[in-house]
């Protein structure tokens, strides 16, 4: 891929604005929540001092990645999941982190991980842990792009290695989820060029245009 200059990821909208965005997209209905519940949660989180550079997320048990991916938009084109990731909703949070056991929660200190581009997921995970950071799960990454589309740039996209697929024998599938921008080649189809794309990369492979989405933590309120 050709080189490009990355622009800074701007501050996220307020929690109240993020709540309205989820309601506008119908995410609350997919999650079995009322618009009033989402607004009340955002307002309550704001009152206890959580606002600014934080992300409002719906627990993946309430809204799967496949449903969220279709809500993404870029260049007027809807997001999609690659054809050979039909099992995307079976990728679940793994590792030392635990998601809050609530329908809604906030994710703090987001970073796209541009400085780790061209690392393998196998290398990135211990490096993030050493910095007291936690890798994003796939649904959190999609929520981020829903709220802040500019977080996804050509040549500056990201993996979400907090989600893995455990096989029947207990080992992990070698695929790791990522979110990037389609070139409209192969099975994507030319009509999908520039659309946001949920796909996968091998656990041991490097990609110069993919960093590693991570956060400083999560909290229920």
N, C-alpha and C. Protein backbone atom coordinates (compact mmCIF):
# COMPACT_ATOMS: atom_id res chain seq x y z
N UNK A 1 0.84 -1.19 0.00
CA UNK A 1 0.00 0.00 0.00
C UNK A 1 0.88 1.25 0.00
N UNK A 2 0.45 2.32 -0.66
CA UNK A 2 1.24 3.54 -0.68
C UNK A 2 1.28 4.20 0.68
N UNK A 3 2.36 4.95 0.92
CA UNK A 3 2.50 5.65 2.18
C UNK A 3 1.52 6.81 2.25
N UNK A 4 1.08 7.13 3.46
CA UNK A 4 0.26 8.32 3.67
C UNK A 4 0.55 8.85 5.05
N UNK A 5 0.18 10.08 5.29
CA UNK A 5 0.43 10.70 6.58
C UNK A 5 -0.81 10.55 7.44
N UNK A 6 -0.64 10.03 8.64
CA UNK A 6 -1.76 9.84 9.54
C UNK A 6 -2.15 11.16 10.19
N UNK A 7 -3.43 11.41 10.28
CA UNK A 7 -3.91 12.57 11.01
C UNK A 7 -4.28 12.15 12.42
N UNK A 8 -4.24 13.09 13.34
CA UNK A 8 -4.56 12.78 14.72
C UNK A 8 -6.03 12.42 14.86
N UNK A 9 -6.30 11.46 15.71
CA UNK A 9 -7.69 11.10 16.01
C UNK A 9 -8.23 12.12 16.98
N UNK A 10 -9.31 12.76 16.60
CA UNK A 10 -9.84 13.85 17.41
C UNK A 10 -10.59 13.32 18.63
N UNK A 11 -10.90 14.23 19.54
CA UNK A 11 -11.63 13.86 20.74
C UNK A 11 -13.01 13.31 20.39
N UNK A 12 -13.41 12.29 21.11
CA UNK A 12 -14.72 11.68 20.89
C UNK A 12 -15.84 12.64 21.27
N UNK A 13 -17.03 12.46 20.69
CA UNK A 13 -18.19 13.23 21.14
C UNK A 13 -18.48 12.95 22.61
N UNK A 14 -19.26 13.80 23.23
CA UNK A 14 -19.66 13.57 24.62
C UNK A 14 -20.48 12.29 24.72
N UNK A 15 -20.60 11.76 25.90
CA UNK A 15 -21.38 10.55 26.11
C UNK A 15 -22.84 10.75 25.70
N UNK A 16 -23.37 11.92 25.98
CA UNK A 16 -24.76 12.19 25.58
C UNK A 16 -24.91 12.18 24.06
N UNK A 17 -23.94 12.75 23.36
CA UNK A 17 -23.98 12.75 21.90
C UNK A 17 -23.81 11.33 21.36
N UNK A 18 -22.96 10.55 22.00
CA UNK A 18 -22.78 9.17 21.58
C UNK A 18 -24.06 8.36 21.79
N UNK A 19 -24.75 8.63 22.89
CA UNK A 19 -26.02 7.95 23.15
C UNK A 19 -27.02 8.24 22.04
N UNK A 20 -27.09 9.50 21.63
CA UNK A 20 -28.02 9.87 20.57
C UNK A 20 -27.65 9.20 19.25
N UNK A 21 -26.37 9.06 19.02
CA UNK A 21 -25.91 8.40 17.79
C UNK A 21 -26.36 6.93 17.79
N UNK A 22 -26.21 6.24 18.91
CA UNK A 22 -26.64 4.85 18.99
C UNK A 22 -28.15 4.73 18.80
N UNK A 23 -28.88 5.66 19.37
CA UNK A 23 -30.35 5.65 19.22
C UNK A 23 -30.73 5.91 17.76
N UNK A 24 -30.06 6.86 17.14
CA UNK A 24 -30.32 7.17 15.73
C UNK A 24 -30.11 5.94 14.84
N UNK A 25 -29.09 5.15 15.17
CA UNK A 25 -28.78 3.96 14.38
C UNK A 25 -29.64 2.75 14.74
N UNK A 26 -30.41 2.87 15.83
CA UNK A 26 -31.25 1.76 16.25
C UNK A 26 -30.52 0.69 17.05
N UNK A 27 -29.31 1.01 17.54
CA UNK A 27 -28.54 0.03 18.30
C UNK A 27 -29.26 -0.33 19.60
N UNK A 28 -29.93 0.64 20.18
CA UNK A 28 -30.63 0.36 21.44
C UNK A 28 -31.70 -0.70 21.24
N UNK A 29 -32.39 -0.66 20.12
CA UNK A 29 -33.42 -1.67 19.85
C UNK A 29 -32.81 -3.04 19.64
N UNK A 30 -31.67 -3.10 18.94
CA UNK A 30 -30.98 -4.37 18.76
C UNK A 30 -30.55 -4.96 20.10
N UNK A 31 -30.23 -4.08 21.05
CA UNK A 31 -29.77 -4.52 22.37
C UNK A 31 -30.91 -4.77 23.34
N UNK A 32 -32.15 -4.51 22.91
CA UNK A 32 -33.28 -4.69 23.82
C UNK A 32 -33.37 -3.62 24.88
N UNK A 33 -32.90 -2.42 24.54
CA UNK A 33 -32.92 -1.30 25.47
C UNK A 33 -33.82 -0.20 24.92
N UNK A 34 -34.36 0.60 25.80
CA UNK A 34 -35.15 1.75 25.36
C UNK A 34 -34.21 2.94 25.15
N UNK A 35 -34.66 3.90 24.36
CA UNK A 35 -33.88 5.11 24.16
C UNK A 35 -33.66 5.82 25.49
N UNK A 36 -34.67 5.78 26.36
CA UNK A 36 -34.56 6.43 27.66
C UNK A 36 -33.48 5.79 28.52
N UNK A 37 -33.34 4.46 28.43
CA UNK A 37 -32.30 3.78 29.21
C UNK A 37 -30.90 4.18 28.75
N UNK A 38 -30.74 4.31 27.44
CA UNK A 38 -29.43 4.69 26.92
C UNK A 38 -29.09 6.12 27.32
N UNK A 39 -30.07 7.02 27.19
CA UNK A 39 -29.84 8.41 27.57
C UNK A 39 -29.54 8.53 29.07
N UNK A 40 -30.28 7.79 29.87
CA UNK A 40 -30.09 7.85 31.32
C UNK A 40 -28.71 7.33 31.71
N UNK A 41 -28.27 6.28 31.04
CA UNK A 41 -26.94 5.74 31.34
C UNK A 41 -25.86 6.78 31.02
N UNK A 42 -25.95 7.39 29.85
CA UNK A 42 -24.96 8.38 29.44
C UNK A 42 -24.95 9.56 30.41
N UNK A 43 -26.13 10.00 30.81
CA UNK A 43 -26.21 11.12 31.75
C UNK A 43 -25.64 10.73 33.10
N UNK A 44 -25.93 9.52 33.57
CA UNK A 44 -25.42 9.06 34.85
C UNK A 44 -23.91 8.93 34.84
N UNK A 45 -23.35 8.41 33.75
CA UNK A 45 -21.90 8.28 33.64
C UNK A 45 -21.25 9.65 33.64
N UNK A 46 -21.87 10.60 32.97
CA UNK A 46 -21.35 11.96 32.94
C UNK A 46 -21.34 12.56 34.35
N UNK A 47 -22.36 12.31 35.12
CA UNK A 47 -22.46 12.89 36.46
C UNK A 47 -21.39 12.38 37.42
N UNK A 48 -20.90 11.16 37.18
CA UNK A 48 -19.85 10.64 38.06
C UNK A 48 -18.46 10.93 37.49
N UNK A 49 -18.42 11.81 36.51
CA UNK A 49 -17.14 12.30 36.03
C UNK A 49 -16.56 11.56 34.85
N UNK A 50 -17.34 10.71 34.19
CA UNK A 50 -16.84 10.00 33.02
C UNK A 50 -17.39 10.68 31.77
N UNK A 51 -16.56 11.38 31.07
CA UNK A 51 -16.96 12.05 29.82
C UNK A 51 -15.70 12.48 29.11
N UNK A 52 -15.86 13.08 27.97
CA UNK A 52 -14.70 13.51 27.21
C UNK A 52 -14.18 12.41 26.32
N UNK A 53 -12.95 12.01 26.54
CA UNK A 53 -12.30 11.04 25.67
C UNK A 53 -12.61 9.61 26.10
N UNK A 54 -13.89 9.26 26.12
CA UNK A 54 -14.32 7.91 26.47
C UNK A 54 -15.38 7.44 25.47
N UNK A 55 -15.47 6.14 25.33
CA UNK A 55 -16.38 5.56 24.36
C UNK A 55 -17.53 4.84 25.05
N UNK A 56 -18.74 5.09 24.59
CA UNK A 56 -19.92 4.38 25.07
C UNK A 56 -20.09 3.10 24.25
N UNK A 57 -20.13 1.96 24.94
CA UNK A 57 -20.21 0.67 24.24
C UNK A 57 -21.36 -0.16 24.76
N UNK A 58 -21.93 -0.95 23.87
CA UNK A 58 -22.94 -1.94 24.24
C UNK A 58 -22.24 -3.29 24.36
N UNK A 59 -22.54 -4.03 25.39
CA UNK A 59 -21.90 -5.33 25.62
C UNK A 59 -22.12 -6.23 24.40
N UNK A 60 -21.09 -6.95 23.95
CA UNK A 60 -21.25 -7.81 22.77
C UNK A 60 -22.28 -8.92 22.94
N UNK A 61 -22.61 -9.27 24.18
CA UNK A 61 -23.68 -10.26 24.38
C UNK A 61 -25.04 -9.70 23.99
N UNK A 62 -25.15 -8.36 23.94
CA UNK A 62 -26.43 -7.73 23.61
C UNK A 62 -26.55 -7.40 22.12
N UNK A 63 -25.44 -7.03 21.49
CA UNK A 63 -25.44 -6.72 20.06
C UNK A 63 -24.17 -7.31 19.44
N UNK A 64 -24.31 -8.31 18.57
CA UNK A 64 -23.13 -8.95 17.99
C UNK A 64 -22.43 -8.07 16.96
N UNK A 65 -21.20 -8.43 16.67
CA UNK A 65 -20.38 -7.66 15.73
C UNK A 65 -21.02 -7.58 14.34
N UNK A 66 -21.63 -8.66 13.88
CA UNK A 66 -22.21 -8.65 12.53
C UNK A 66 -23.29 -7.59 12.39
N UNK A 67 -24.09 -7.40 13.44
CA UNK A 67 -25.15 -6.39 13.39
C UNK A 67 -24.57 -4.98 13.40
N UNK A 68 -23.53 -4.76 14.20
CA UNK A 68 -22.91 -3.44 14.26
C UNK A 68 -22.16 -3.10 12.98
N UNK A 69 -21.50 -4.09 12.40
CA UNK A 69 -20.69 -3.83 11.20
C UNK A 69 -21.53 -3.26 10.07
N UNK A 70 -22.75 -3.73 9.93
CA UNK A 70 -23.61 -3.27 8.83
C UNK A 70 -24.04 -1.82 9.01
N UNK A 71 -23.86 -1.26 10.20
CA UNK A 71 -24.23 0.13 10.46
C UNK A 71 -23.12 1.11 10.12
N UNK A 72 -21.90 0.59 9.93
CA UNK A 72 -20.78 1.46 9.58
C UNK A 72 -21.02 2.10 8.22
N UNK A 73 -20.50 3.29 8.03
CA UNK A 73 -20.60 3.97 6.75
C UNK A 73 -19.29 4.70 6.46
N UNK A 74 -18.88 4.64 5.19
CA UNK A 74 -17.74 5.42 4.71
C UNK A 74 -17.94 5.66 3.24
N UNK A 75 -17.74 6.88 2.81
CA UNK A 75 -17.94 7.25 1.41
C UNK A 75 -19.33 6.84 0.93
N UNK A 76 -20.30 6.89 1.83
CA UNK A 76 -21.67 6.53 1.49
C UNK A 76 -21.92 5.05 1.34
N UNK A 77 -20.95 4.23 1.71
CA UNK A 77 -21.09 2.79 1.54
C UNK A 77 -21.18 2.09 2.90
N UNK A 78 -22.04 1.08 3.02
CA UNK A 78 -22.21 0.40 4.30
C UNK A 78 -21.05 -0.53 4.61
N UNK A 79 -20.84 -0.74 5.89
CA UNK A 79 -19.82 -1.68 6.32
C UNK A 79 -20.25 -3.11 6.09
N UNK A 80 -19.28 -4.01 6.10
CA UNK A 80 -19.58 -5.42 5.88
C UNK A 80 -18.53 -6.30 6.54
N UNK A 81 -18.87 -7.57 6.69
CA UNK A 81 -17.96 -8.58 7.21
C UNK A 81 -17.49 -9.42 6.03
N UNK A 82 -16.20 -9.74 5.97
CA UNK A 82 -15.67 -10.49 4.85
C UNK A 82 -16.35 -11.86 4.75
N UNK A 83 -16.40 -12.37 3.53
CA UNK A 83 -17.15 -13.60 3.25
C UNK A 83 -16.63 -14.80 4.02
N UNK A 84 -15.33 -14.84 4.28
CA UNK A 84 -14.77 -16.01 4.96
C UNK A 84 -14.67 -15.81 6.47
N UNK A 85 -15.53 -14.93 7.00
CA UNK A 85 -15.62 -14.76 8.45
C UNK A 85 -17.09 -14.86 8.87
N UNK A 86 -17.74 -15.89 8.38
CA UNK A 86 -19.16 -16.11 8.68
C UNK A 86 -19.38 -16.37 10.16
N UNK A 87 -18.31 -16.76 10.87
CA UNK A 87 -18.40 -17.06 12.29
C UNK A 87 -17.97 -15.87 13.16
N UNK A 88 -18.03 -14.67 12.61
CA UNK A 88 -17.54 -13.48 13.31
C UNK A 88 -18.14 -13.32 14.70
N UNK A 89 -19.41 -13.70 14.88
CA UNK A 89 -20.05 -13.49 16.17
C UNK A 89 -19.63 -14.52 17.22
N UNK A 90 -18.83 -15.50 16.80
CA UNK A 90 -18.30 -16.48 17.75
C UNK A 90 -16.98 -16.02 18.35
N UNK A 91 -16.41 -14.93 17.83
CA UNK A 91 -15.19 -14.37 18.41
C UNK A 91 -15.57 -13.65 19.70
N UNK A 92 -14.96 -14.04 20.79
CA UNK A 92 -15.37 -13.55 22.11
C UNK A 92 -14.20 -12.91 22.84
N UNK A 93 -14.49 -12.06 23.83
CA UNK A 93 -13.42 -11.44 24.62
C UNK A 93 -12.55 -12.50 25.30
N UNK A 94 -11.23 -12.29 25.26
CA UNK A 94 -10.29 -13.22 25.89
C UNK A 94 -9.21 -12.43 26.61
N UNK A 95 -8.41 -13.15 27.35
CA UNK A 95 -7.27 -12.53 28.00
C UNK A 95 -7.59 -12.12 29.42
N UNK A 96 -6.69 -11.33 30.01
CA UNK A 96 -6.87 -10.95 31.41
C UNK A 96 -8.02 -9.99 31.65
N UNK A 97 -8.46 -9.30 30.58
CA UNK A 97 -9.52 -8.32 30.78
C UNK A 97 -10.90 -8.98 30.90
N UNK A 98 -11.77 -8.34 31.66
CA UNK A 98 -13.16 -8.78 31.77
C UNK A 98 -14.04 -7.58 31.46
N UNK A 99 -15.02 -7.78 30.61
CA UNK A 99 -15.95 -6.70 30.31
C UNK A 99 -16.92 -6.52 31.47
N UNK A 100 -17.32 -5.29 31.75
CA UNK A 100 -18.34 -5.08 32.78
C UNK A 100 -19.59 -5.89 32.48
N UNK A 101 -20.19 -6.45 33.50
CA UNK A 101 -21.38 -7.28 33.33
C UNK A 101 -22.64 -6.41 33.32
N UNK A 102 -22.67 -5.47 32.39
CA UNK A 102 -23.79 -4.54 32.24
C UNK A 102 -24.08 -4.36 30.75
N UNK A 103 -25.32 -4.03 30.38
CA UNK A 103 -25.63 -3.84 28.96
C UNK A 103 -24.81 -2.73 28.32
N UNK A 104 -24.54 -1.66 29.07
CA UNK A 104 -23.78 -0.52 28.60
C UNK A 104 -22.57 -0.30 29.50
N UNK A 105 -21.48 0.13 28.92
CA UNK A 105 -20.30 0.46 29.71
C UNK A 105 -19.45 1.46 28.93
N UNK A 106 -18.43 2.00 29.55
CA UNK A 106 -17.55 2.95 28.86
C UNK A 106 -16.14 2.39 28.77
N UNK A 107 -15.48 2.76 27.69
CA UNK A 107 -14.09 2.37 27.43
C UNK A 107 -13.25 3.63 27.46
N UNK A 108 -12.15 3.61 28.21
CA UNK A 108 -11.35 4.82 28.41
C UNK A 108 -9.99 4.72 27.71
N UNK A 109 -9.47 5.89 27.35
CA UNK A 109 -8.11 5.98 26.84
C UNK A 109 -7.86 5.23 25.54
N UNK A 110 -8.72 5.45 24.54
CA UNK A 110 -8.57 4.74 23.27
C UNK A 110 -7.29 5.15 22.54
N UNK A 111 -6.70 4.16 21.89
CA UNK A 111 -5.53 4.42 21.05
C UNK A 111 -5.57 3.45 19.88
N UNK A 112 -5.27 3.94 18.68
CA UNK A 112 -5.31 3.12 17.48
C UNK A 112 -4.08 2.25 17.31
N UNK A 113 -3.02 2.59 18.04
CA UNK A 113 -1.82 1.76 17.99
C UNK A 113 -1.01 1.90 16.73
N UNK A 114 -0.99 3.10 16.15
CA UNK A 114 -0.21 3.32 14.93
C UNK A 114 1.27 2.97 15.11
N UNK A 115 1.78 3.19 16.33
CA UNK A 115 3.19 2.93 16.60
C UNK A 115 3.54 1.45 16.56
N UNK A 116 2.50 0.60 16.56
CA UNK A 116 2.73 -0.85 16.52
C UNK A 116 2.41 -1.43 15.14
N UNK A 117 2.20 -0.59 14.16
CA UNK A 117 1.98 -1.09 12.80
C UNK A 117 3.16 -1.96 12.39
N UNK A 118 2.87 -3.02 11.70
CA UNK A 118 3.86 -3.99 11.23
C UNK A 118 4.34 -4.92 12.35
N UNK A 119 3.66 -4.92 13.49
CA UNK A 119 3.88 -5.92 14.52
C UNK A 119 2.91 -7.07 14.27
N UNK A 120 3.23 -8.23 14.77
CA UNK A 120 2.28 -9.33 14.75
C UNK A 120 1.39 -9.23 15.98
N UNK A 121 0.16 -9.76 15.94
CA UNK A 121 -0.65 -9.79 17.15
C UNK A 121 0.06 -10.51 18.31
N UNK A 122 0.79 -11.53 17.98
CA UNK A 122 1.52 -12.29 19.00
C UNK A 122 2.54 -11.41 19.73
N UNK A 123 3.15 -10.48 19.01
CA UNK A 123 4.11 -9.54 19.61
C UNK A 123 3.39 -8.41 20.34
N UNK A 124 2.27 -7.96 19.77
CA UNK A 124 1.60 -6.78 20.30
C UNK A 124 0.94 -7.02 21.65
N UNK A 125 0.34 -8.20 21.84
CA UNK A 125 -0.40 -8.44 23.08
C UNK A 125 0.45 -8.27 24.33
N UNK A 126 1.63 -8.91 24.46
CA UNK A 126 2.41 -8.70 25.67
C UNK A 126 2.94 -7.28 25.80
N UNK A 127 3.18 -6.60 24.67
CA UNK A 127 3.65 -5.23 24.73
C UNK A 127 2.57 -4.30 25.28
N UNK A 128 1.33 -4.52 24.87
CA UNK A 128 0.22 -3.73 25.41
C UNK A 128 0.03 -4.00 26.89
N UNK A 129 0.09 -5.26 27.26
CA UNK A 129 -0.08 -5.62 28.67
C UNK A 129 1.00 -4.98 29.53
N UNK A 130 2.23 -4.94 29.02
CA UNK A 130 3.34 -4.35 29.77
C UNK A 130 3.13 -2.86 30.00
N UNK A 131 2.35 -2.22 29.13
CA UNK A 131 2.05 -0.79 29.26
C UNK A 131 0.74 -0.55 30.01
N UNK A 132 0.21 -1.61 30.63
CA UNK A 132 -1.07 -1.53 31.36
C UNK A 132 -2.20 -1.08 30.45
N UNK A 133 -2.16 -1.56 29.21
CA UNK A 133 -3.24 -1.30 28.27
C UNK A 133 -3.94 -2.61 27.95
N UNK A 134 -5.18 -2.52 27.52
CA UNK A 134 -5.97 -3.69 27.21
C UNK A 134 -6.42 -3.62 25.75
N UNK A 135 -6.25 -4.69 24.98
CA UNK A 135 -6.66 -4.64 23.57
C UNK A 135 -8.18 -4.53 23.43
N UNK A 136 -8.62 -3.83 22.44
CA UNK A 136 -10.05 -3.71 22.20
C UNK A 136 -10.63 -5.02 21.70
N UNK A 137 -11.87 -5.30 22.11
CA UNK A 137 -12.61 -6.39 21.49
C UNK A 137 -13.25 -5.85 20.21
N UNK A 138 -13.68 -6.74 19.34
CA UNK A 138 -14.16 -6.32 18.03
C UNK A 138 -15.33 -5.34 18.11
N UNK A 139 -16.31 -5.62 18.95
CA UNK A 139 -17.47 -4.73 19.02
C UNK A 139 -17.08 -3.33 19.51
N UNK A 140 -16.09 -3.24 20.39
CA UNK A 140 -15.63 -1.93 20.85
C UNK A 140 -14.99 -1.16 19.70
N UNK A 141 -14.21 -1.86 18.88
CA UNK A 141 -13.62 -1.21 17.72
C UNK A 141 -14.67 -0.69 16.76
N UNK A 142 -15.72 -1.47 16.55
CA UNK A 142 -16.80 -1.02 15.66
C UNK A 142 -17.53 0.17 16.27
N UNK A 143 -17.80 0.12 17.57
CA UNK A 143 -18.43 1.26 18.24
C UNK A 143 -17.60 2.52 18.05
N UNK A 144 -16.28 2.39 18.15
CA UNK A 144 -15.40 3.55 17.98
C UNK A 144 -15.59 4.18 16.60
N UNK A 145 -15.58 3.35 15.55
CA UNK A 145 -15.72 3.88 14.19
C UNK A 145 -17.14 4.41 13.94
N UNK A 146 -18.13 3.82 14.60
CA UNK A 146 -19.49 4.36 14.49
C UNK A 146 -19.55 5.78 15.03
N UNK A 147 -18.86 6.02 16.13
CA UNK A 147 -18.90 7.34 16.76
C UNK A 147 -17.90 8.31 16.15
N UNK A 148 -16.83 7.79 15.60
CA UNK A 148 -15.75 8.63 15.10
C UNK A 148 -15.19 8.01 13.81
N UNK A 149 -15.89 8.19 12.70
CA UNK A 149 -15.49 7.55 11.45
C UNK A 149 -14.05 7.82 11.04
N UNK A 150 -13.53 9.01 11.43
CA UNK A 150 -12.17 9.35 11.04
C UNK A 150 -11.12 8.51 11.78
N UNK A 151 -11.54 7.70 12.73
CA UNK A 151 -10.59 6.78 13.38
C UNK A 151 -10.09 5.74 12.41
N UNK A 152 -10.79 5.58 11.29
CA UNK A 152 -10.41 4.62 10.26
C UNK A 152 -9.89 5.40 9.05
N UNK A 153 -8.60 5.30 8.78
CA UNK A 153 -7.99 5.98 7.65
C UNK A 153 -7.29 4.95 6.76
N UNK A 154 -7.18 5.25 5.49
CA UNK A 154 -6.39 4.38 4.64
C UNK A 154 -4.96 4.33 5.16
N UNK A 155 -4.42 3.14 5.25
CA UNK A 155 -3.07 2.88 5.74
C UNK A 155 -2.92 3.10 7.24
N UNK A 156 -4.00 3.43 7.93
CA UNK A 156 -3.96 3.60 9.38
C UNK A 156 -5.25 3.05 9.98
N UNK A 157 -5.38 1.73 9.94
CA UNK A 157 -6.53 1.05 10.50
C UNK A 157 -6.05 0.20 11.67
N UNK A 158 -6.88 -0.69 12.20
CA UNK A 158 -6.45 -1.37 13.41
C UNK A 158 -7.07 -2.75 13.62
N UNK A 159 -6.31 -3.58 14.35
CA UNK A 159 -6.79 -4.89 14.76
C UNK A 159 -7.47 -4.77 16.12
N UNK A 160 -8.30 -5.74 16.42
CA UNK A 160 -8.99 -5.79 17.73
C UNK A 160 -8.73 -7.18 18.32
N UNK A 161 -7.53 -7.37 18.85
CA UNK A 161 -7.09 -8.70 19.25
C UNK A 161 -7.60 -9.11 20.62
N UNK A 162 -8.46 -8.28 21.22
CA UNK A 162 -9.11 -8.70 22.46
C UNK A 162 -10.20 -9.73 22.21
N UNK A 163 -10.55 -9.96 20.94
CA UNK A 163 -11.53 -10.97 20.56
C UNK A 163 -10.81 -12.11 19.85
N UNK A 164 -11.05 -13.33 20.30
CA UNK A 164 -10.48 -14.51 19.65
C UNK A 164 -11.57 -15.59 19.57
N UNK A 165 -11.34 -16.53 18.70
CA UNK A 165 -12.25 -17.67 18.54
C UNK A 165 -11.58 -18.91 19.11
N UNK A 166 -12.20 -19.49 20.14
CA UNK A 166 -11.65 -20.71 20.73
C UNK A 166 -12.27 -21.92 20.03
N UNK A 167 -11.40 -22.81 19.58
CA UNK A 167 -11.85 -23.99 18.87
C UNK A 167 -12.31 -25.08 19.84
N UNK A 168 -12.94 -26.10 19.30
CA UNK A 168 -13.51 -27.16 20.13
C UNK A 168 -12.45 -27.85 20.99
N UNK A 169 -11.20 -27.89 20.51
CA UNK A 169 -10.14 -28.56 21.28
C UNK A 169 -9.49 -27.65 22.32
N UNK A 170 -10.02 -26.42 22.46
CA UNK A 170 -9.52 -25.50 23.47
C UNK A 170 -8.47 -24.52 22.99
N UNK A 171 -7.89 -24.75 21.82
CA UNK A 171 -6.90 -23.83 21.29
C UNK A 171 -7.59 -22.69 20.55
N UNK A 172 -6.82 -21.63 20.27
CA UNK A 172 -7.39 -20.49 19.57
C UNK A 172 -7.24 -20.63 18.06
N UNK A 173 -8.27 -20.19 17.35
CA UNK A 173 -8.18 -20.03 15.91
C UNK A 173 -7.09 -19.00 15.62
N UNK A 174 -6.34 -19.21 14.55
CA UNK A 174 -5.22 -18.32 14.23
C UNK A 174 -5.66 -16.97 13.67
N UNK A 175 -6.95 -16.81 13.36
CA UNK A 175 -7.43 -15.53 12.84
C UNK A 175 -7.62 -14.53 13.98
N UNK A 176 -7.32 -13.29 13.70
CA UNK A 176 -7.58 -12.22 14.66
C UNK A 176 -8.36 -11.11 13.95
N UNK A 177 -9.42 -10.58 14.57
CA UNK A 177 -10.27 -9.59 13.89
C UNK A 177 -9.57 -8.25 13.67
N UNK A 178 -9.98 -7.57 12.63
CA UNK A 178 -9.45 -6.24 12.33
C UNK A 178 -10.52 -5.45 11.58
N UNK A 179 -10.37 -4.14 11.61
CA UNK A 179 -11.28 -3.24 10.90
C UNK A 179 -10.44 -2.37 9.98
N UNK A 180 -10.74 -2.42 8.69
CA UNK A 180 -10.03 -1.57 7.76
C UNK A 180 -10.92 -1.16 6.60
N UNK A 181 -10.34 -0.68 5.53
CA UNK A 181 -11.09 -0.11 4.42
C UNK A 181 -10.89 -0.98 3.19
N UNK A 182 -11.97 -1.38 2.57
CA UNK A 182 -11.89 -2.28 1.43
C UNK A 182 -11.30 -1.58 0.20
N UNK A 183 -10.49 -2.33 -0.54
CA UNK A 183 -9.99 -1.86 -1.83
C UNK A 183 -10.90 -2.29 -2.98
N UNK A 184 -11.95 -3.03 -2.65
CA UNK A 184 -12.87 -3.47 -3.69
C UNK A 184 -12.33 -4.59 -4.56
N UNK A 185 -11.38 -5.34 -4.04
CA UNK A 185 -10.78 -6.42 -4.80
C UNK A 185 -11.30 -7.77 -4.31
N UNK A 186 -11.05 -8.81 -5.10
CA UNK A 186 -11.42 -10.16 -4.70
C UNK A 186 -12.90 -10.30 -4.41
N UNK A 187 -13.19 -11.05 -3.35
CA UNK A 187 -14.58 -11.33 -3.01
C UNK A 187 -15.33 -10.14 -2.42
N UNK A 188 -14.58 -9.08 -2.08
CA UNK A 188 -15.27 -7.87 -1.59
C UNK A 188 -16.19 -7.32 -2.67
N UNK A 189 -15.72 -7.32 -3.91
CA UNK A 189 -16.50 -6.75 -5.01
C UNK A 189 -16.16 -5.29 -5.22
N UNK A 190 -16.09 -4.87 -6.48
CA UNK A 190 -15.69 -3.50 -6.81
C UNK A 190 -16.65 -2.46 -6.21
N UNK A 191 -17.90 -2.84 -6.05
CA UNK A 191 -18.89 -1.89 -5.51
C UNK A 191 -18.62 -1.55 -4.05
N UNK A 192 -17.76 -2.35 -3.40
CA UNK A 192 -17.46 -2.10 -1.99
C UNK A 192 -16.16 -1.33 -1.77
N UNK A 193 -15.54 -0.88 -2.82
CA UNK A 193 -14.32 -0.10 -2.65
C UNK A 193 -14.59 1.10 -1.75
N UNK A 194 -13.73 1.31 -0.77
CA UNK A 194 -13.79 2.41 0.21
C UNK A 194 -14.78 2.14 1.34
N UNK A 195 -15.47 1.01 1.33
CA UNK A 195 -16.39 0.69 2.43
C UNK A 195 -15.61 0.21 3.65
N UNK A 196 -16.12 0.46 4.86
CA UNK A 196 -15.49 -0.09 6.06
C UNK A 196 -15.68 -1.60 6.11
N UNK A 197 -14.66 -2.29 6.54
CA UNK A 197 -14.63 -3.74 6.40
C UNK A 197 -14.16 -4.40 7.70
N UNK A 198 -14.90 -5.41 8.15
CA UNK A 198 -14.47 -6.24 9.26
C UNK A 198 -13.90 -7.53 8.68
N UNK A 199 -12.64 -7.76 8.95
CA UNK A 199 -11.98 -8.94 8.42
C UNK A 199 -11.08 -9.56 9.46
N UNK A 200 -10.07 -10.28 9.01
CA UNK A 200 -9.18 -10.96 9.94
C UNK A 200 -7.77 -11.01 9.39
N UNK A 201 -6.82 -11.20 10.29
CA UNK A 201 -5.41 -11.37 9.95
C UNK A 201 -4.88 -12.55 10.77
N UNK A 202 -3.84 -13.17 10.29
CA UNK A 202 -3.26 -14.29 11.03
C UNK A 202 -2.55 -13.79 12.28
N UNK A 203 -2.58 -14.58 13.34
CA UNK A 203 -1.96 -14.26 14.63
C UNK A 203 -0.47 -13.97 14.49
N UNK A 204 0.20 -14.60 13.53
CA UNK A 204 1.64 -14.41 13.40
C UNK A 204 2.07 -13.53 12.24
N UNK A 205 1.13 -12.84 11.59
CA UNK A 205 1.47 -12.02 10.42
C UNK A 205 1.56 -10.54 10.74
N UNK A 206 2.32 -9.82 9.92
CA UNK A 206 2.49 -8.37 10.05
C UNK A 206 1.75 -7.65 8.93
N UNK A 207 1.25 -6.45 9.24
CA UNK A 207 0.59 -5.63 8.22
C UNK A 207 0.95 -4.17 8.47
N UNK A 208 1.55 -3.55 7.49
CA UNK A 208 2.06 -2.20 7.69
C UNK A 208 0.97 -1.17 7.92
N UNK A 209 -0.25 -1.47 7.51
CA UNK A 209 -1.34 -0.49 7.63
C UNK A 209 -2.26 -0.76 8.83
N UNK A 210 -1.91 -1.74 9.65
CA UNK A 210 -2.76 -2.09 10.79
C UNK A 210 -2.01 -1.90 12.11
N UNK A 211 -2.57 -1.03 12.96
CA UNK A 211 -2.09 -0.93 14.33
C UNK A 211 -2.92 -1.86 15.21
N UNK A 212 -2.92 -1.59 16.51
CA UNK A 212 -3.65 -2.44 17.46
C UNK A 212 -4.48 -1.55 18.38
N UNK A 213 -5.81 -1.57 18.18
CA UNK A 213 -6.69 -0.78 19.02
C UNK A 213 -6.61 -1.23 20.47
N UNK A 214 -6.46 -0.26 21.38
CA UNK A 214 -6.37 -0.60 22.79
C UNK A 214 -6.96 0.50 23.65
N UNK A 215 -7.08 0.24 24.94
CA UNK A 215 -7.66 1.20 25.87
C UNK A 215 -6.93 1.09 27.21
N UNK A 216 -7.17 2.10 28.06
CA UNK A 216 -6.61 2.03 29.41
C UNK A 216 -7.51 1.23 30.34
N UNK A 217 -8.79 1.10 29.99
CA UNK A 217 -9.67 0.32 30.84
C UNK A 217 -11.13 0.44 30.44
N UNK A 218 -11.98 -0.18 31.26
CA UNK A 218 -13.42 -0.17 31.06
C UNK A 218 -14.08 -0.01 32.42
N UNK A 219 -15.26 0.57 32.42
CA UNK A 219 -15.99 0.69 33.68
C UNK A 219 -17.48 0.71 33.39
N UNK A 220 -18.24 0.25 34.35
CA UNK A 220 -19.69 0.16 34.18
C UNK A 220 -20.36 1.51 34.22
N UNK A 221 -19.76 2.47 34.91
CA UNK A 221 -20.38 3.81 34.98
C UNK A 221 -19.33 4.86 35.24
